[in-house]
Amino acid sequence: MLDSDVEYAGFWSRVGASLIDTVIVLTATYPLLWLVYRGDWDRIFATGLSEQPQMLWMDIFINYVLPFAYTVAVWLLWSASPGKILMGMKIVDAQTGKDINLKQSIIRYIGYFPAMMVFMIGIFWIAFDKRKQGWHDKMANTVVIRSSE
């Protein structure tokens, strides 16, 4: 069981961590898309203005599969994303306070989708929840805490 003196990470600090993580993922994916589409920005951003067709499976791999694999891997490796590490946070099991497992990591990642579907209510939920859990945290039984490590 988590100690009563644990400090849950709040909404705005988690937003900051997410922005850092977004920059990291975009820094990795955009050069890959640049190589695949040979610098055709209309294809990279899927504007529909390019003369060349999109490569659907490559888009899915670079834009969805790689970020999923990267995120789950860093959560398992460090119990946090780079943004959370820089902001002094850690993702732990809500009951035990121990590192999260593969199942929780996958559920947590997939849980972002319903959490963001309707005006991001499941994300804003963090600001009002007593344990600062978003819907994705509740689904995976995780919490984000302040870490001294």
Foldseek 3Di string as FASTA:
>chain_A
DDDPPFAFDFQVLVVQLVVVVVVVLCVPLQVVLCVVVVNPVCQVVVVVPDPDDHDVVVCCCSVPVVVLVVQLVCCQVPQDDPSQVVSQKGKAALPPRHRADSVLSNQLVVQQCVCPPPVNVQSCVLNVDPQSHGRSCVRSRMTMTGHPD
